[in-house]
C-alpha atoms as a PDB file:
ATOM      1  CA  UNK A   1       0.000   0.000   0.000  1.00  0.00           C
ATOM      2  CA  UNK A   2       1.063   3.596  -0.569  1.00  0.00           C
ATOM      3  CA  UNK A   3       2.021   6.049   2.190  1.00  0.00           C
ATOM      4  CA  UNK A   4      -1.287   7.828   1.623  1.00  0.00           C
ATOM      5  CA  UNK A   5      -3.241   4.622   2.169  1.00  0.00           C
ATOM      6  CA  UNK A   6      -1.297   3.751   5.318  1.00  0.00           C
ATOM      7  CA  UNK A   7      -1.784   7.276   6.640  1.00  0.00           C
ATOM      8  CA  UNK A   8      -5.530   7.017   6.064  1.00  0.00           C
ATOM      9  CA  UNK A   9      -5.687   3.615   7.775  1.00  0.00           C
ATOM     10  CA  UNK A  10      -3.801   4.810  10.856  1.00  0.00           C
ATOM     11  CA  UNK A  11      -5.619   8.135  11.150  1.00  0.00           C
ATOM     12  CA  UNK A  12      -9.079   6.606  10.999  1.00  0.00           C
ATOM     13  CA  UNK A  13      -8.045   3.401  12.777  1.00  0.00           C
ATOM     14  CA  UNK A  14      -6.394   5.242  15.687  1.00  0.00           C
ATOM     15  CA  UNK A  15      -9.438   7.419  16.251  1.00  0.00           C
ATOM     16  CA  UNK A  16     -11.762   4.407  16.084  1.00  0.00           C
ATOM     17  CA  UNK A  17      -9.563   2.269  18.368  1.00  0.00           C
ATOM     18  CA  UNK A  18      -9.283   5.030  20.991  1.00  0.00           C
ATOM     19  CA  UNK A  19     -13.007   5.707  21.114  1.00  0.00           C
ATOM     20  CA  UNK A  20     -14.123   2.061  21.052  1.00  0.00           C
ATOM     21  CA  UNK A  21     -11.681   1.186  23.857  1.00  0.00           C
ATOM     22  CA  UNK A  22     -12.839   4.202  25.866  1.00  0.00           C
ATOM     23  CA  UNK A  23     -16.496   3.273  25.342  1.00  0.00           C
ATOM     24  CA  UNK A  24     -15.860  -0.307  26.524  1.00  0.00           C
ATOM     25  CA  UNK A  25     -14.254   0.984  29.723  1.00  0.00           C
ATOM     26  CA  UNK A  26     -17.085   3.451  30.240  1.00  0.00           C
ATOM     27  CA  UNK A  27     -19.616   0.636  29.993  1.00  0.00           C
ATOM     28  CA  UNK A  28     -17.675  -2.090  31.790  1.00  0.00           C
ATOM     29  CA  UNK A  29     -15.921  -0.067  34.504  1.00  0.00           C
ATOM     30  CA  UNK A  30     -17.835   3.231  34.666  1.00  0.00           C
ATOM     31  CA  UNK A  31     -14.683   5.024  33.494  1.00  0.00           C
ATOM     32  CA  UNK A  32     -13.828   7.846  34.093  1.00  0.00           C
ATOM     33  CA  UNK A  33     -16.535   8.345  36.751  1.00  0.00           C
ATOM     34  CA  UNK A  34     -15.186   5.444  38.825  1.00  0.00           C
ATOM     35  CA  UNK A  35     -11.985   7.424  39.431  1.00  0.00           C
ATOM     36  CA  UNK A  36     -13.934   9.717  41.763  1.00  0.00           C
ATOM     37  CA  UNK A  37     -14.576   6.774  44.094  1.00  0.00           C
ATOM     38  CA  UNK A  38     -12.342   5.960  47.115  1.00  0.00           C
ATOM     39  CA  UNK A  39      -9.238   3.910  46.291  1.00  0.00           C
ATOM     40  CA  UNK A  40     -10.585   0.858  48.118  1.00  0.00           C
ATOM     41  CA  UNK A  41     -13.769   0.907  46.048  1.00  0.00           C
ATOM     42  CA  UNK A  42     -11.831   1.253  42.785  1.00  0.00           C
ATOM     43  CA  UNK A  43      -9.549  -1.667  43.644  1.00  0.00           C
ATOM     44  CA  UNK A  44     -12.495  -3.869  44.652  1.00  0.00           C
ATOM     45  CA  UNK A  45     -14.356  -3.086  41.438  1.00  0.00           C
ATOM     46  CA  UNK A  46     -11.205  -3.694  39.421  1.00  0.00           C
ATOM     47  CA  UNK A  47     -10.693  -7.071  41.067  1.00  0.00           C
ATOM     48  CA  UNK A  48     -14.311  -7.981  40.322  1.00  0.00           C
ATOM     49  CA  UNK A  49     -13.742  -7.199  36.645  1.00  0.00           C
ATOM     50  CA  UNK A  50     -11.280 -10.074  36.278  1.00  0.00           C
ATOM     51  CA  UNK A  51      -8.895 -10.610  33.390  1.00  0.00           C
ATOM     52  CA  UNK A  52     -11.412  -9.173  30.939  1.00  0.00           C
ATOM     53  CA  UNK A  53     -11.059  -5.752  32.518  1.00  0.00           C
ATOM     54  CA  UNK A  54      -7.274  -6.019  32.409  1.00  0.00           C
ATOM     55  CA  UNK A  55      -7.481  -6.665  28.671  1.00  0.00           C
ATOM     56  CA  UNK A  56      -9.799  -3.665  28.264  1.00  0.00           C
ATOM     57  CA  UNK A  57      -7.178  -1.459  29.884  1.00  0.00           C
ATOM     58  CA  UNK A  58      -4.378  -2.952  27.786  1.00  0.00           C
ATOM     59  CA  UNK A  59      -6.426  -2.286  24.662  1.00  0.00           C
ATOM     60  CA  UNK A  60      -6.941   1.317  25.724  1.00  0.00           C
ATOM     61  CA  UNK A  61      -3.224   1.717  26.478  1.00  0.00           C
ATOM     62  CA  UNK A  62      -2.359   0.259  23.065  1.00  0.00           C
ATOM     63  CA  UNK A  63      -4.065   3.235  21.435  1.00  0.00           C
ATOM     64  CA  UNK A  64      -0.879   5.107  22.343  1.00  0.00           C
ATOM     65  CA  UNK A  65       1.167   2.710  20.224  1.00  0.00           C
ATOM     66  CA  UNK A  66      -1.045   3.356  17.202  1.00  0.00           C
ATOM     67  CA  UNK A  67      -0.413   7.073  17.488  1.00  0.00           C
ATOM     68  CA  UNK A  68       3.322   6.712  16.779  1.00  0.00           C
ATOM     69  CA  UNK A  69       3.060   5.474  13.159  1.00  0.00           C
ATOM     70  CA  UNK A  70       0.080   7.789  12.665  1.00  0.00           C
ATOM     71  CA  UNK A  71       2.143  10.833  13.666  1.00  0.00           C
ATOM     72  CA  UNK A  72       5.050   9.833  11.416  1.00  0.00           C
ATOM     73  CA  UNK A  73       2.863   9.023   8.414  1.00  0.00           C
ATOM     74  CA  UNK A  74       0.848  12.235   8.718  1.00  0.00           C
ATOM     75  CA  UNK A  75       4.056  14.276   8.784  1.00  0.00           C
ATOM     76  CA  UNK A  76       5.309  12.526   5.643  1.00  0.00           C
ATOM     77  CA  UNK A  77       2.077  12.690   3.655  1.00  0.00           C
ATOM     78  CA  UNK A  78       0.358  15.883   4.754  1.00  0.00           C
ATOM     79  CA  UNK A  79       3.452  18.106   4.768  1.00  0.00           C
ATOM     80  CA  UNK A  80       5.905  16.808   2.121  1.00  0.00           C
ATOM     81  CA  UNK A  81       9.340  18.324   2.462  1.00  0.00           C
ATOM     82  CA  UNK A  82       8.915  18.755   6.192  1.00  0.00           C
ATOM     83  CA  UNK A  83      10.807  21.592   7.803  1.00  0.00           C
ATOM     84  CA  UNK A  84      11.524  22.609  11.378  1.00  0.00           C
ATOM     85  CA  UNK A  85       7.851  22.990  12.299  1.00  0.00           C
ATOM     86  CA  UNK A  86       6.992  19.499  11.081  1.00  0.00           C
ATOM     87  CA  UNK A  87      10.082  17.998  12.746  1.00  0.00           C
ATOM     88  CA  UNK A  88       9.149  19.563  16.083  1.00  0.00           C
ATOM     89  CA  UNK A  89       5.518  18.485  15.693  1.00  0.00           C
ATOM     90  CA  UNK A  90       6.593  14.896  14.966  1.00  0.00           C
ATOM     91  CA  UNK A  91       8.751  14.719  18.086  1.00  0.00           C
ATOM     92  CA  UNK A  92       5.962  16.205  20.207  1.00  0.00           C
ATOM     93  CA  UNK A  93       3.470  13.739  18.728  1.00  0.00           C
ATOM     94  CA  UNK A  94       5.673  10.771  19.585  1.00  0.00           C
ATOM     95  CA  UNK A  95       6.034  12.134  23.128  1.00  0.00           C
ATOM     96  CA  UNK A  96       2.235  12.406  23.350  1.00  0.00           C
ATOM     97  CA  UNK A  97       1.844   8.765  22.364  1.00  0.00           C
ATOM     98  CA  UNK A  98       4.577   7.654  24.773  1.00  0.00           C
ATOM     99  CA  UNK A  99       3.215   9.376  27.879  1.00  0.00           C
ATOM    100  CA  UNK A 100      -0.306   8.150  27.115  1.00  0.00           C
ATOM    101  CA  UNK A 101       0.997   4.583  26.885  1.00  0.00           C
ATOM    102  CA  UNK A 102       3.087   4.947  30.054  1.00  0.00           C
ATOM    103  CA  UNK A 103       0.234   6.437  32.054  1.00  0.00           C
ATOM    104  CA  UNK A 104      -2.293   3.779  31.062  1.00  0.00           C
ATOM    105  CA  UNK A 105      -0.111   0.672  31.323  1.00  0.00           C
ATOM    106  CA  UNK A 106      -0.322   0.814  35.134  1.00  0.00           C
ATOM    107  CA  UNK A 107      -3.895  -0.489  34.804  1.00  0.00           C
ATOM    108  CA  UNK A 108      -2.690  -3.610  32.991  1.00  0.00           C
ATOM    109  CA  UNK A 109       0.288  -4.426  35.225  1.00  0.00           C
ATOM    110  CA  UNK A 110       0.395  -2.498  38.523  1.00  0.00           C
ATOM    111  CA  UNK A 111      -3.285  -2.193  39.444  1.00  0.00           C
ATOM    112  CA  UNK A 112      -4.071  -5.941  39.077  1.00  0.00           C
ATOM    113  CA  UNK A 113      -1.338  -6.712  41.631  1.00  0.00           C
ATOM    114  CA  UNK A 114      -2.555  -3.973  43.975  1.00  0.00           C
ATOM    115  CA  UNK A 115      -6.150  -5.209  43.666  1.00  0.00           C
ATOM    116  CA  UNK A 116      -5.118  -8.783  44.584  1.00  0.00           C
ATOM    117  CA  UNK A 117      -3.025  -7.547  47.506  1.00  0.00           C
ATOM    118  CA  UNK A 118      -5.883  -5.342  48.690  1.00  0.00           C
ATOM    119  CA  UNK A 119      -8.319  -8.258  48.655  1.00  0.00           C
ATOM    120  CA  UNK A 120      -5.865 -10.482  50.557  1.00  0.00           C
ATOM    121  CA  UNK A 121      -4.816  -7.840  53.107  1.00  0.00           C
ATOM    122  CA  UNK A 122      -4.731  -9.188  56.677  1.00  0.00           C
ATOM    123  CA  UNK A 123      -5.520  -5.903  58.438  1.00  0.00           C
ATOM    124  CA  UNK A 124      -7.113  -2.498  57.861  1.00  0.00           C
ATOM    125  CA  UNK A 125      -3.664  -0.922  58.164  1.00  0.00           C
ATOM    126  CA  UNK A 126      -2.237  -3.123  55.409  1.00  0.00           C
ATOM    127  CA  UNK A 127      -5.260  -2.405  53.240  1.00  0.00           C
ATOM    128  CA  UNK A 128      -4.847   1.332  53.770  1.00  0.00           C
ATOM    129  CA  UNK A 129      -1.157   1.146  52.849  1.00  0.00           C
ATOM    130  CA  UNK A 130      -2.106  -0.489  49.545  1.00  0.00           C
ATOM    131  CA  UNK A 131      -4.721   2.195  48.923  1.00  0.00           C
ATOM    132  CA  UNK A 132      -2.140   4.924  49.522  1.00  0.00           C
ATOM    133  CA  UNK A 133       0.191   3.205  47.042  1.00  0.00           C
ATOM    134  CA  UNK A 134      -2.603   3.140  44.471  1.00  0.00           C
ATOM    135  CA  UNK A 135      -3.418   6.799  45.088  1.00  0.00           C
ATOM    136  CA  UNK A 136       0.251   7.807  44.767  1.00  0.00           C
ATOM    137  CA  UNK A 137       0.668   6.058  41.406  1.00  0.00           C
ATOM    138  CA  UNK A 138      -2.707   7.363  40.282  1.00  0.00           C
ATOM    139  CA  UNK A 139      -1.690  10.953  41.013  1.00  0.00           C
ATOM    140  CA  UNK A 140       1.726  10.608  39.387  1.00  0.00           C
ATOM    141  CA  UNK A 141       1.251   8.253  36.430  1.00  0.00           C
ATOM    142  CA  UNK A 142      -2.448   8.979  35.912  1.00  0.00           C
ATOM    143  CA  UNK A 143      -2.961  12.664  36.573  1.00  0.00           C
ATOM    144  CA  UNK A 144       0.621  13.855  36.067  1.00  0.00           C
ATOM    145  CA  UNK A 145       1.960  11.739  33.205  1.00  0.00           C
ATOM    146  CA  UNK A 146      -1.097  10.342  31.427  1.00  0.00           C
ATOM    147  CA  UNK A 147      -3.444  13.304  31.718  1.00  0.00           C
ATOM    148  CA  UNK A 148      -1.317  16.440  32.195  1.00  0.00           C
ATOM    149  CA  UNK A 149       1.541  15.523  29.846  1.00  0.00           C
ATOM    150  CA  UNK A 150      -0.800  13.536  27.605  1.00  0.00           C
ATOM    151  CA  UNK A 151      -3.185  16.458  27.068  1.00  0.00           C
ATOM    152  CA  UNK A 152      -0.285  18.913  26.827  1.00  0.00           C
ATOM    153  CA  UNK A 153       1.695  17.024  24.177  1.00  0.00           C
ATOM    154  CA  UNK A 154      -1.389  15.864  22.242  1.00  0.00           C
ATOM    155  CA  UNK A 155      -2.693  19.434  22.162  1.00  0.00           C
ATOM    156  CA  UNK A 156       0.667  20.864  21.149  1.00  0.00           C
ATOM    157  CA  UNK A 157       1.061  18.270  18.372  1.00  0.00           C
ATOM    158  CA  UNK A 158      -2.459  18.963  17.100  1.00  0.00           C
ATOM    159  CA  UNK A 159      -1.915  22.726  17.016  1.00  0.00           C
ATOM    160  CA  UNK A 160       1.542  22.447  15.411  1.00  0.00           C
ATOM    161  CA  UNK A 161       0.389  19.967  12.760  1.00  0.00           C
ATOM    162  CA  UNK A 162      -2.667  22.096  12.101  1.00  0.00           C
ATOM    163  CA  UNK A 163      -0.466  25.102  11.356  1.00  0.00           C
ATOM    164  CA  UNK A 164       1.948  22.987   9.287  1.00  0.00           C
ATOM    165  CA  UNK A 165      -0.897  21.563   7.188  1.00  0.00           C
ATOM    166  CA  UNK A 166      -2.498  24.981   6.734  1.00  0.00           C
ATOM    167  CA  UNK A 167       0.774  26.540   5.565  1.00  0.00           C
ATOM    168  CA  UNK A 168       1.873  23.640   3.363  1.00  0.00           C
ATOM    169  CA  UNK A 169       1.814  24.297  -0.382  1.00  0.00           C
ATOM    170  CA  UNK A 170       2.491  20.721  -1.419  1.00  0.00           C
ATOM    171  CA  UNK A 171       0.175  18.689   0.798  1.00  0.00           C
ATOM    172  CA  UNK A 172      -3.087  16.987  -0.118  1.00  0.00           C
ATOM    173  CA  UNK A 173      -5.129  18.337   2.797  1.00  0.00           C
ATOM    174  CA  UNK A 174      -7.105  21.604   2.517  1.00  0.00           C
ATOM    175  CA  UNK A 175      -5.660  24.470   4.547  1.00  0.00           C
ATOM    176  CA  UNK A 176      -8.969  25.077   6.333  1.00  0.00           C
ATOM    177  CA  UNK A 177      -8.838  21.558   7.751  1.00  0.00           C
ATOM    178  CA  UNK A 178      -5.417  22.310   9.177  1.00  0.00           C
ATOM    179  CA  UNK A 179      -6.678  25.489  10.831  1.00  0.00           C
ATOM    180  CA  UNK A 180      -9.511  23.542  12.490  1.00  0.00           C
ATOM    181  CA  UNK A 181      -6.919  21.565  14.411  1.00  0.00           C
ATOM    182  CA  UNK A 182      -5.358  24.666  15.968  1.00  0.00           C
ATOM    183  CA  UNK A 183      -8.153  25.613  18.420  1.00  0.00           C
ATOM    184  CA  UNK A 184      -8.693  21.946  19.284  1.00  0.00           C
ATOM    185  CA  UNK A 185      -5.020  21.612  20.118  1.00  0.00           C
ATOM    186  CA  UNK A 186      -4.872  24.841  22.098  1.00  0.00           C
ATOM    187  CA  UNK A 187      -7.957  23.747  24.023  1.00  0.00           C
ATOM    188  CA  UNK A 188      -6.233  20.502  25.021  1.00  0.00           C
ATOM    189  CA  UNK A 189      -3.123  22.414  26.065  1.00  0.00           C
ATOM    190  CA  UNK A 190      -5.289  24.591  28.294  1.00  0.00           C
ATOM    191  CA  UNK A 191      -7.116  21.513  29.594  1.00  0.00           C
ATOM    192  CA  UNK A 192      -3.806  20.019  30.702  1.00  0.00           C
ATOM    193  CA  UNK A 193      -3.855  22.536  33.582  1.00  0.00           C
ATOM    194  CA  UNK A 194      -6.927  20.883  35.131  1.00  0.00           C
ATOM    195  CA  UNK A 195      -5.009  19.748  38.237  1.00  0.00           C
ATOM    196  CA  UNK A 196      -2.169  22.249  38.125  1.00  0.00           C
ATOM    197  CA  UNK A 197      -1.233  24.853  40.745  1.00  0.00           C
ATOM    198  CA  UNK A 198      -4.182  26.146  42.762  1.00  0.00           C
ATOM    199  CA  UNK A 199      -6.413  23.517  41.113  1.00  0.00           C
ATOM    200  CA  UNK A 200      -4.216  20.593  42.224  1.00  0.00           C
ATOM    201  CA  UNK A 201      -6.549  19.297  44.927  1.00  0.00           C
ATOM    202  CA  UNK A 202     -10.011  19.532  43.376  1.00  0.00           C
ATOM    203  CA  UNK A 203      -9.351  20.236  39.718  1.00  0.00           C
ATOM    204  CA  UNK A 204     -10.471  23.033  37.422  1.00  0.00           C
ATOM    205  CA  UNK A 205     -14.066  22.191  36.477  1.00  0.00           C
ATOM    206  CA  UNK A 206     -14.185  24.055  33.117  1.00  0.00           C
ATOM    207  CA  UNK A 207     -11.176  22.031  31.949  1.00  0.00           C
ATOM    208  CA  UNK A 208     -12.678  18.790  33.228  1.00  0.00           C
ATOM    209  CA  UNK A 209     -15.900  19.493  31.320  1.00  0.00           C
ATOM    210  CA  UNK A 210     -14.139  20.612  28.141  1.00  0.00           C
ATOM    211  CA  UNK A 211     -11.521  17.868  27.679  1.00  0.00           C
ATOM    212  CA  UNK A 212     -13.959  15.009  26.789  1.00  0.00           C
ATOM    213  CA  UNK A 213     -15.622  17.260  24.189  1.00  0.00           C
ATOM    214  CA  UNK A 214     -12.228  18.303  22.823  1.00  0.00           C
ATOM    215  CA  UNK A 215     -11.180  14.666  22.459  1.00  0.00           C
ATOM    216  CA  UNK A 216     -14.326  13.912  20.474  1.00  0.00           C
ATOM    217  CA  UNK A 217     -13.491  16.884  18.228  1.00  0.00           C
ATOM    218  CA  UNK A 218      -9.877  15.676  18.006  1.00  0.00           C
ATOM    219  CA  UNK A 219     -11.000  12.190  16.949  1.00  0.00           C
ATOM    220  CA  UNK A 220     -13.307  13.659  14.302  1.00  0.00           C
ATOM    221  CA  UNK A 221     -10.403  15.813  13.062  1.00  0.00           C
ATOM    222  CA  UNK A 222      -8.202  12.721  12.634  1.00  0.00           C
ATOM    223  CA  UNK A 223     -10.940  10.975  10.672  1.00  0.00           C
ATOM    224  CA  UNK A 224     -11.402  14.064   8.498  1.00  0.00           C
ATOM    225  CA  UNK A 225      -7.666  14.180   7.815  1.00  0.00           C
ATOM    226  CA  UNK A 226      -7.715  10.516   6.820  1.00  0.00           C
ATOM    227  CA  UNK A 227     -10.630  11.054   4.445  1.00  0.00           C
ATOM    228  CA  UNK A 228      -8.954  14.124   2.930  1.00  0.00           C
ATOM    229  CA  UNK A 229      -5.770  12.160   2.270  1.00  0.00           C
ATOM    230  CA  UNK A 230      -7.748   9.270   0.752  1.00  0.00           C
ATOM    231  CA  UNK A 231      -9.698  11.598  -1.526  1.00  0.00           C
ATOM    232  CA  UNK A 232      -6.618  13.587  -2.440  1.00  0.00           C
ATOM    233  CA  UNK A 233      -4.584  10.474  -3.145  1.00  0.00           C
END
């Protein structure tokens, strides 16, 4: 297959994979609402989900892997000839995929062990220690790496690629479609501050409300890019 065909497959496939995996977790684990529950409740519900839930989380984490070839192929096809802007955007996009993968993999490897240990704990003190461990990793790998850096790098990549596509004179994607990505990306960058600074404890509600909508828009943008490349090719 040509580069254009591969780019189309990964753009549309990545968006579909991400949203299907998210929807499965929303239905099977009440994600992300379950994250507002106490650590002990989350671990108990995770344990009850069995190996099927572990595979759901691995599938969701794997969406980060799909983003890496997608980022590279989009840079090659949408902005032929590259340049500094495209090079920077590509690096940022790979970072976005990497931190998303790193943040989510804890659910496939660390959380199952914590859930088993929590169920087998011999005392309330031991159980509480496990809950604190879960909360610590959740705050660092989940909120800090997966969400903050994930939103930040994904937003920055989206905005940078949007500008690169809009300014490209040799690409196959309409400039207006590139410009659409810029506000989506900037919105995600802003949303990355949801638990930053003064909002660290309780979160910034406007960002929390906006990010899910922005990710739907981001997914639609990827699909539109894929269709534009397919039509143009």
